Amino acid sequence: MLVPGDTVLVALSGGADSMALLNVLYSLKDEYSLTVCAAHFNHGIRGDEAKRDEDFCVSVCRETGVKLFVGCADIPALAKQN
């Protein structure tokens, strides 16, 4: 599925599965000439716990040099509006 030169975006929650995926793709980046990026979205549902997950994702990506896109929204409020 990977073609040399691909850019891969990992949906990064901070949980074990997405962190493992990020680690595997990061370890393959040189072999496949990959650009590995990550995206984290805080849905505004889990309060401080979600903020800790976001901070963890930011920290890991900063340490590895993986470009991280972070977004947030108050999904419960949006759900009530719609």
PDB file of N, CA and C in Angstrom:
ATOM      1  N   MET A   1       0.814  -1.201   0.000  1.00  0.00           N
ATOM      2  CA  MET A   1       0.000   0.000   0.000  1.00  0.00           C
ATOM      3  C   MET A   1       0.856   1.263   0.000  1.00  0.00           C
ATOM      4  N   LEU A   2       2.072   1.171   0.479  1.00  0.00           N
ATOM      5  CA  LEU A   2       2.939   2.343   0.495  1.00  0.00           C
ATOM      6  C   LEU A   2       3.760   2.395  -0.780  1.00  0.00           C
ATOM      7  N   VAL A   3       3.830   3.582  -1.326  1.00  0.00           N
ATOM      8  CA  VAL A   3       4.652   3.817  -2.505  1.00  0.00           C
ATOM      9  C   VAL A   3       5.760   4.774  -2.096  1.00  0.00           C
ATOM     10  N   PRO A   4       7.007   4.486  -2.484  1.00  0.00           N
ATOM     11  CA  PRO A   4       8.082   5.400  -2.113  1.00  0.00           C
ATOM     12  C   PRO A   4       7.729   6.849  -2.460  1.00  0.00           C
ATOM     13  N   GLY A   5       7.969   7.728  -1.487  1.00  0.00           N
ATOM     14  CA  GLY A   5       7.672   9.138  -1.668  1.00  0.00           C
ATOM     15  C   GLY A   5       6.308   9.563  -1.148  1.00  0.00           C
ATOM     16  N   ASP A   6       5.495   8.614  -0.683  1.00  0.00           N
ATOM     17  CA  ASP A   6       4.163   8.939  -0.157  1.00  0.00           C
ATOM     18  C   ASP A   6       4.247   9.836   1.077  1.00  0.00           C
ATOM     19  N   THR A   7       3.188  10.588   1.268  1.00  0.00           N
ATOM     20  CA  THR A   7       2.959  11.290   2.525  1.00  0.00           C
ATOM     21  C   THR A   7       1.846  10.546   3.241  1.00  0.00           C
ATOM     22  N   VAL A   8       2.076  10.212   4.501  1.00  0.00           N
ATOM     23  CA  VAL A   8       1.114   9.447   5.290  1.00  0.00           C
ATOM     24  C   VAL A   8       0.688  10.293   6.481  1.00  0.00           C
ATOM     25  N   LEU A   9      -0.629  10.393   6.677  1.00  0.00           N
ATOM     26  CA  LEU A   9      -1.179  11.132   7.812  1.00  0.00           C
ATOM     27  C   LEU A   9      -1.769  10.129   8.792  1.00  0.00           C
ATOM     28  N   VAL A  10      -1.270  10.147  10.022  1.00  0.00           N
ATOM     29  CA  VAL A  10      -1.753   9.256  11.074  1.00  0.00           C
ATOM     30  C   VAL A  10      -2.747  10.018  11.938  1.00  0.00           C
ATOM     31  N   ALA A  11      -3.955   9.468  12.098  1.00  0.00           N
ATOM     32  CA  ALA A  11      -4.925  10.018  13.044  1.00  0.00           C
ATOM     33  C   ALA A  11      -4.449   9.595  14.433  1.00  0.00           C
ATOM     34  N   LEU A  12      -3.921  10.538  15.183  1.00  0.00           N
ATOM     35  CA  LEU A  12      -3.199  10.250  16.425  1.00  0.00           C
ATOM     36  C   LEU A  12      -4.036  10.640  17.640  1.00  0.00           C
ATOM     37  N   SER A  13      -4.534   9.630  18.343  1.00  0.00           N
ATOM     38  CA  SER A  13      -5.346   9.895  19.531  1.00  0.00           C
ATOM     39  C   SER A  13      -4.497  10.010  20.793  1.00  0.00           C
ATOM     40  N   GLY A  14      -3.339   9.394  20.750  1.00  0.00           N
ATOM     41  CA  GLY A  14      -2.503   9.304  21.948  1.00  0.00           C
ATOM     42  C   GLY A  14      -2.631   7.950  22.611  1.00  0.00           C
ATOM     43  N   GLY A  15      -3.549   7.120  22.115  1.00  0.00           N
ATOM     44  CA  GLY A  15      -3.723   5.769  22.637  1.00  0.00           C
ATOM     45  C   GLY A  15      -2.695   4.815  22.052  1.00  0.00           C
ATOM     46  N   ALA A  16      -2.701   3.595  22.567  1.00  0.00           N
ATOM     47  CA  ALA A  16      -1.694   2.605  22.181  1.00  0.00           C
ATOM     48  C   ALA A  16      -1.711   2.294  20.685  1.00  0.00           C
ATOM     49  N   ASP A  17      -2.889   2.134  20.091  1.00  0.00           N
ATOM     50  CA  ASP A  17      -2.974   1.746  18.682  1.00  0.00           C
ATOM     51  C   ASP A  17      -2.402   2.808  17.754  1.00  0.00           C
ATOM     52  N   SER A  18      -2.833   4.038  17.937  1.00  0.00           N
ATOM     53  CA  SER A  18      -2.360   5.084  17.027  1.00  0.00           C
ATOM     54  C   SER A  18      -0.892   5.413  17.261  1.00  0.00           C
ATOM     55  N   MET A  19      -0.427   5.288  18.499  1.00  0.00           N
ATOM     56  CA  MET A  19       0.985   5.525  18.778  1.00  0.00           C
ATOM     57  C   MET A  19       1.838   4.419  18.146  1.00  0.00           C
ATOM     58  N   ALA A  20       1.354   3.181  18.182  1.00  0.00           N
ATOM     59  CA  ALA A  20       2.075   2.075  17.547  1.00  0.00           C
ATOM     60  C   ALA A  20       2.142   2.295  16.038  1.00  0.00           C
ATOM     61  N   LEU A  21       1.035   2.702  15.440  1.00  0.00           N
ATOM     62  CA  LEU A  21       1.014   2.976  14.001  1.00  0.00           C
ATOM     63  C   LEU A  21       2.012   4.075  13.648  1.00  0.00           C
ATOM     64  N   LEU A  22       2.020   5.147  14.433  1.00  0.00           N
ATOM     65  CA  LEU A  22       2.966   6.224  14.198  1.00  0.00           C
ATOM     66  C   LEU A  22       4.407   5.707  14.287  1.00  0.00           C
ATOM     67  N   ASN A  23       4.694   4.905  15.288  1.00  0.00           N
ATOM     68  CA  ASN A  23       6.047   4.373  15.465  1.00  0.00           C
ATOM     69  C   ASN A  23       6.471   3.487  14.295  1.00  0.00           C
ATOM     70  N   VAL A  24       5.577   2.631  13.827  1.00  0.00           N
ATOM     71  CA  VAL A  24       5.901   1.750  12.703  1.00  0.00           C
ATOM     72  C   VAL A  24       6.157   2.574  11.447  1.00  0.00           C
ATOM     73  N   LEU A  25       5.273   3.499  11.147  1.00  0.00           N
ATOM     74  CA  LEU A  25       5.449   4.315   9.943  1.00  0.00           C
ATOM     75  C   LEU A  25       6.699   5.178  10.045  1.00  0.00           C
ATOM     76  N   TYR A  26       6.956   5.697  11.219  1.00  0.00           N
ATOM     77  CA  TYR A  26       8.164   6.501  11.422  1.00  0.00           C
ATOM     78  C   TYR A  26       9.415   5.651  11.201  1.00  0.00           C
ATOM     79  N   SER A  27       9.389   4.409  11.651  1.00  0.00           N
ATOM     80  CA  SER A  27      10.546   3.527  11.476  1.00  0.00           C
ATOM     81  C   SER A  27      10.756   3.144  10.014  1.00  0.00           C
ATOM     82  N   LEU A  28       9.709   3.220   9.195  1.00  0.00           N
ATOM     83  CA  LEU A  28       9.796   2.886   7.767  1.00  0.00           C
ATOM     84  C   LEU A  28      10.035   4.099   6.874  1.00  0.00           C
ATOM     85  N   LYS A  29      10.068   5.291   7.458  1.00  0.00           N
ATOM     86  CA  LYS A  29      10.087   6.509   6.641  1.00  0.00           C
ATOM     87  C   LYS A  29      11.313   6.603   5.740  1.00  0.00           C
ATOM     88  N   ASP A  30      12.458   6.216   6.223  1.00  0.00           N
ATOM     89  CA  ASP A  30      13.664   6.302   5.399  1.00  0.00           C
ATOM     90  C   ASP A  30      13.658   5.230   4.300  1.00  0.00           C
ATOM     91  N   GLU A  31      13.279   4.014   4.676  1.00  0.00           N
ATOM     92  CA  GLU A  31      13.256   2.905   3.721  1.00  0.00           C
ATOM     93  C   GLU A  31      12.322   3.190   2.544  1.00  0.00           C
ATOM     94  N   TYR A  32      11.180   3.832   2.820  1.00  0.00           N
ATOM     95  CA  TYR A  32      10.179   4.104   1.791  1.00  0.00           C
ATOM     96  C   TYR A  32      10.129   5.575   1.373  1.00  0.00           C
ATOM     97  N   SER A  33      11.059   6.358   1.846  1.00  0.00           N
ATOM     98  CA  SER A  33      11.075   7.804   1.543  1.00  0.00           C
ATOM     99  C   SER A  33       9.721   8.442   1.856  1.00  0.00           C
ATOM    100  N   LEU A  34       9.182   8.117   3.025  1.00  0.00           N
ATOM    101  CA  LEU A  34       7.875   8.616   3.434  1.00  0.00           C
ATOM    102  C   LEU A  34       8.001   9.945   4.156  1.00  0.00           C
ATOM    103  N   THR A  35       6.985  10.751   4.002  1.00  0.00           N
ATOM    104  CA  THR A  35       6.785  11.899   4.872  1.00  0.00           C
ATOM    105  C   THR A  35       5.663  11.492   5.822  1.00  0.00           C
ATOM    106  N   VAL A  36       5.964  11.440   7.101  1.00  0.00           N
ATOM    107  CA  VAL A  36       4.977  11.022   8.106  1.00  0.00           C
ATOM    108  C   VAL A  36       4.504  12.255   8.861  1.00  0.00           C
ATOM    109  N   CYS A  37       3.190  12.469   8.845  1.00  0.00           N
ATOM    110  CA  CYS A  37       2.544  13.558   9.575  1.00  0.00           C
ATOM    111  C   CYS A  37       1.476  12.950  10.476  1.00  0.00           C
ATOM    112  N   ALA A  38       0.995  13.731  11.414  1.00  0.00           N
ATOM    113  CA  ALA A  38      -0.048  13.252  12.317  1.00  0.00           C
ATOM    114  C   ALA A  38      -1.099  14.344  12.512  1.00  0.00           C
ATOM    115  N   ALA A  39      -2.297  13.913  12.862  1.00  0.00           N
ATOM    116  CA  ALA A  39      -3.388  14.836  13.170  1.00  0.00           C
ATOM    117  C   ALA A  39      -4.065  14.374  14.455  1.00  0.00           C
ATOM    118  N   HIS A  40      -4.310  15.333  15.330  1.00  0.00           N
ATOM    119  CA  HIS A  40      -5.002  15.049  16.595  1.00  0.00           C
ATOM    120  C   HIS A  40      -6.178  16.009  16.706  1.00  0.00           C
ATOM    121  N   PHE A  41      -7.332  15.485  17.103  1.00  0.00           N
ATOM    122  CA  PHE A  41      -8.513  16.332  17.258  1.00  0.00           C
ATOM    123  C   PHE A  41      -9.116  16.131  18.639  1.00  0.00           C
ATOM    124  N   ASN A  42      -9.276  17.231  19.372  1.00  0.00           N
ATOM    125  CA  ASN A  42      -9.902  17.218  20.688  1.00  0.00           C
ATOM    126  C   ASN A  42     -11.373  17.576  20.496  1.00  0.00           C
ATOM    127  N   HIS A  43     -12.245  16.611  20.773  1.00  0.00           N
ATOM    128  CA  HIS A  43     -13.681  16.770  20.540  1.00  0.00           C
ATOM    129  C   HIS A  43     -14.398  17.539  21.647  1.00  0.00           C
ATOM    130  N   GLY A  44     -13.689  17.905  22.695  1.00  0.00           N
ATOM    131  CA  GLY A  44     -14.300  18.660  23.786  1.00  0.00           C
ATOM    132  C   GLY A  44     -15.236  17.832  24.639  1.00  0.00           C
ATOM    133  N   ILE A  45     -14.993  16.547  24.718  1.00  0.00           N
ATOM    134  CA  ILE A  45     -15.895  15.651  25.446  1.00  0.00           C
ATOM    135  C   ILE A  45     -15.291  15.183  26.771  1.00  0.00           C
ATOM    136  N   ARG A  46     -13.977  14.973  26.829  1.00  0.00           N
ATOM    137  CA  ARG A  46     -13.359  14.342  27.995  1.00  0.00           C
ATOM    138  C   ARG A  46     -12.528  15.292  28.856  1.00  0.00           C
ATOM    139  N   GLY A  47     -12.697  16.569  28.716  1.00  0.00           N
ATOM    140  CA  GLY A  47     -12.073  17.549  29.600  1.00  0.00           C
ATOM    141  C   GLY A  47     -10.565  17.453  29.718  1.00  0.00           C
ATOM    142  N   ASP A  48     -10.080  17.416  30.957  1.00  0.00           N
ATOM    143  CA  ASP A  48      -8.640  17.415  31.238  1.00  0.00           C
ATOM    144  C   ASP A  48      -7.940  16.184  30.667  1.00  0.00           C
ATOM    145  N   GLU A  49      -8.634  15.053  30.654  1.00  0.00           N
ATOM    146  CA  GLU A  49      -8.040  13.831  30.107  1.00  0.00           C
ATOM    147  C   GLU A  49      -7.720  14.011  28.617  1.00  0.00           C
ATOM    148  N   ALA A  50      -8.635  14.634  27.888  1.00  0.00           N
ATOM    149  CA  ALA A  50      -8.403  14.882  26.461  1.00  0.00           C
ATOM    150  C   ALA A  50      -7.253  15.865  26.258  1.00  0.00           C
ATOM    151  N   LYS A  51      -7.145  16.846  27.121  1.00  0.00           N
ATOM    152  CA  LYS A  51      -6.041  17.808  27.032  1.00  0.00           C
ATOM    153  C   LYS A  51      -4.705  17.116  27.285  1.00  0.00           C
ATOM    154  N   ARG A  52      -4.679  16.164  28.209  1.00  0.00           N
ATOM    155  CA  ARG A  52      -3.451  15.401  28.455  1.00  0.00           C
ATOM    156  C   ARG A  52      -3.080  14.572  27.230  1.00  0.00           C
ATOM    157  N   ASP A  53      -4.081  13.972  26.567  1.00  0.00           N
ATOM    158  CA  ASP A  53      -3.816  13.224  25.334  1.00  0.00           C
ATOM    159  C   ASP A  53      -3.231  14.145  24.267  1.00  0.00           C
ATOM    160  N   GLU A  54      -3.810  15.321  24.129  1.00  0.00           N
ATOM    161  CA  GLU A  54      -3.313  16.292  23.153  1.00  0.00           C
ATOM    162  C   GLU A  54      -1.870  16.688  23.475  1.00  0.00           C
ATOM    163  N   ASP A  55      -1.610  16.987  24.733  1.00  0.00           N
ATOM    164  CA  ASP A  55      -0.256  17.377  25.145  1.00  0.00           C
ATOM    165  C   ASP A  55       0.750  16.260  24.871  1.00  0.00           C
ATOM    166  N   PHE A  56       0.336  15.018  25.106  1.00  0.00           N
ATOM    167  CA  PHE A  56       1.194  13.866  24.850  1.00  0.00           C
ATOM    168  C   PHE A  56       1.513  13.765  23.357  1.00  0.00           C
ATOM    169  N   CYS A  57       0.510  13.912  22.513  1.00  0.00           N
ATOM    170  CA  CYS A  57       0.718  13.861  21.062  1.00  0.00           C
ATOM    171  C   CYS A  57       1.661  14.971  20.609  1.00  0.00           C
ATOM    172  N   VAL A  58       1.455  16.155  21.131  1.00  0.00           N
ATOM    173  CA  VAL A  58       2.328  17.286  20.794  1.00  0.00           C
ATOM    174  C   VAL A  58       3.760  16.973  21.200  1.00  0.00           C
ATOM    175  N   SER A  59       3.952  16.446  22.395  1.00  0.00           N
ATOM    176  CA  SER A  59       5.286  16.143  22.902  1.00  0.00           C
ATOM    177  C   SER A  59       5.990  15.095  22.045  1.00  0.00           C
ATOM    178  N   VAL A  60       5.295  14.000  21.740  1.00  0.00           N
ATOM    179  CA  VAL A  60       5.887  12.924  20.933  1.00  0.00           C
ATOM    180  C   VAL A  60       6.262  13.438  19.553  1.00  0.00           C
ATOM    181  N   CYS A  61       5.386  14.191  18.938  1.00  0.00           N
ATOM    182  CA  CYS A  61       5.661  14.701  17.594  1.00  0.00           C
ATOM    183  C   CYS A  61       6.788  15.730  17.605  1.00  0.00           C
ATOM    184  N   ARG A  62       6.844  16.526  18.624  1.00  0.00           N
ATOM    185  CA  ARG A  62       7.942  17.492  18.742  1.00  0.00           C
ATOM    186  C   ARG A  62       9.279  16.757  18.865  1.00  0.00           C
ATOM    187  N   GLU A  63       9.310  15.708  19.691  1.00  0.00           N
ATOM    188  CA  GLU A  63      10.543  14.942  19.905  1.00  0.00           C
ATOM    189  C   GLU A  63      11.014  14.234  18.639  1.00  0.00           C
ATOM    190  N   THR A  64      10.082  13.754  17.833  1.00  0.00           N
ATOM    191  CA  THR A  64      10.440  12.983  16.639  1.00  0.00           C
ATOM    192  C   THR A  64      10.538  13.846  15.387  1.00  0.00           C
ATOM    193  N   GLY A  65      10.042  15.062  15.457  1.00  0.00           N
ATOM    194  CA  GLY A  65      10.051  15.922  14.283  1.00  0.00           C
ATOM    195  C   GLY A  65       8.902  15.648  13.326  1.00  0.00           C
ATOM    196  N   VAL A  66       7.898  14.917  13.782  1.00  0.00           N
ATOM    197  CA  VAL A  66       6.717  14.641  12.957  1.00  0.00           C
ATOM    198  C   VAL A  66       5.821  15.874  12.976  1.00  0.00           C
ATOM    199  N   LYS A  67       5.443  16.359  11.808  1.00  0.00           N
ATOM    200  CA  LYS A  67       4.534  17.501  11.734  1.00  0.00           C
ATOM    201  C   LYS A  67       3.164  17.070  12.259  1.00  0.00           C
ATOM    202  N   LEU A  68       2.616  17.869  13.172  1.00  0.00           N
ATOM    203  CA  LEU A  68       1.338  17.549  13.810  1.00  0.00           C
ATOM    204  C   LEU A  68       0.339  18.653  13.548  1.00  0.00           C
ATOM    205  N   PHE A  69      -0.848  18.262  13.109  1.00  0.00           N
ATOM    206  CA  PHE A  69      -1.971  19.172  12.941  1.00  0.00           C
ATOM    207  C   PHE A  69      -2.926  18.921  14.102  1.00  0.00           C
ATOM    208  N   VAL A  70      -3.280  19.971  14.839  1.00  0.00           N
ATOM    209  CA  VAL A  70      -4.151  19.836  16.009  1.00  0.00           C
ATOM    210  C   VAL A  70      -5.397  20.673  15.788  1.00  0.00           C
ATOM    211  N   GLY A  71      -6.540  20.073  16.076  1.00  0.00           N
ATOM    212  CA  GLY A  71      -7.805  20.797  15.997  1.00  0.00           C
ATOM    213  C   GLY A  71      -8.626  20.523  17.238  1.00  0.00           C
ATOM    214  N   CYS A  72      -9.589  21.386  17.497  1.00  0.00           N
ATOM    215  CA  CYS A  72     -10.489  21.161  18.626  1.00  0.00           C
ATOM    216  C   CYS A  72     -11.828  21.832  18.346  1.00  0.00           C
ATOM    217  N   ALA A  73     -12.852  21.301  18.967  1.00  0.00           N
ATOM    218  CA  ALA A  73     -14.193  21.864  18.857  1.00  0.00           C
ATOM    219  C   ALA A  73     -15.017  21.355  20.027  1.00  0.00           C
ATOM    220  N   ASP A  74     -16.050  22.092  20.352  1.00  0.00           N
ATOM    221  CA  ASP A  74     -16.984  21.666  21.393  1.00  0.00           C
ATOM    222  C   ASP A  74     -18.091  20.865  20.709  1.00  0.00           C
ATOM    223  N   ILE A  75     -17.830  19.615  20.474  1.00  0.00           N
ATOM    224  CA  ILE A  75     -18.762  18.761  19.736  1.00  0.00           C
ATOM    225  C   ILE A  75     -20.098  18.602  20.470  1.00  0.00           C
ATOM    226  N   PRO A  76     -20.134  18.459  21.800  1.00  0.00           N
ATOM    227  CA  PRO A  76     -21.431  18.392  22.471  1.00  0.00           C
ATOM    228  C   PRO A  76     -22.297  19.624  22.197  1.00  0.00           C
ATOM    229  N   ALA A  77     -21.691  20.811  22.213  1.00  0.00           N
ATOM    230  CA  ALA A  77     -22.451  22.037  21.926  1.00  0.00           C
ATOM    231  C   ALA A  77     -22.928  22.053  20.475  1.00  0.00           C
ATOM    232  N   LEU A  78     -22.070  21.649  19.563  1.00  0.00           N
ATOM    233  CA  LEU A  78     -22.469  21.588  18.149  1.00  0.00           C
ATOM    234  C   LEU A  78     -23.600  20.588  17.928  1.00  0.00           C
ATOM    235  N   ALA A  79     -23.548  19.466  18.648  1.00  0.00           N
ATOM    236  CA  ALA A  79     -24.599  18.467  18.523  1.00  0.00           C
ATOM    237  C   ALA A  79     -25.947  19.009  19.008  1.00  0.00           C
ATOM    238  N   LYS A  80     -25.923  19.786  20.088  1.00  0.00           N
ATOM    239  CA  LYS A  80     -27.165  20.391  20.590  1.00  0.00           C
ATOM    240  C   LYS A  80     -27.738  21.403  19.611  1.00  0.00           C
ATOM    241  N   GLN A  81     -26.847  22.158  18.953  1.00  0.00           N
ATOM    242  CA  GLN A  81     -27.290  23.175  17.986  1.00  0.00           C
ATOM    243  C   GLN A  81     -27.908  22.546  16.756  1.00  0.00           C
ATOM    244  N   ASN A  82     -27.398  21.388  16.393  1.00  0.00           N
ATOM    245  CA  ASN A  82     -27.843  20.756  15.142  1.00  0.00           C
ATOM    246  C   ASN A  82     -28.716  19.573  15.383  1.00  0.00           C
TER     247      ASN A  82
END
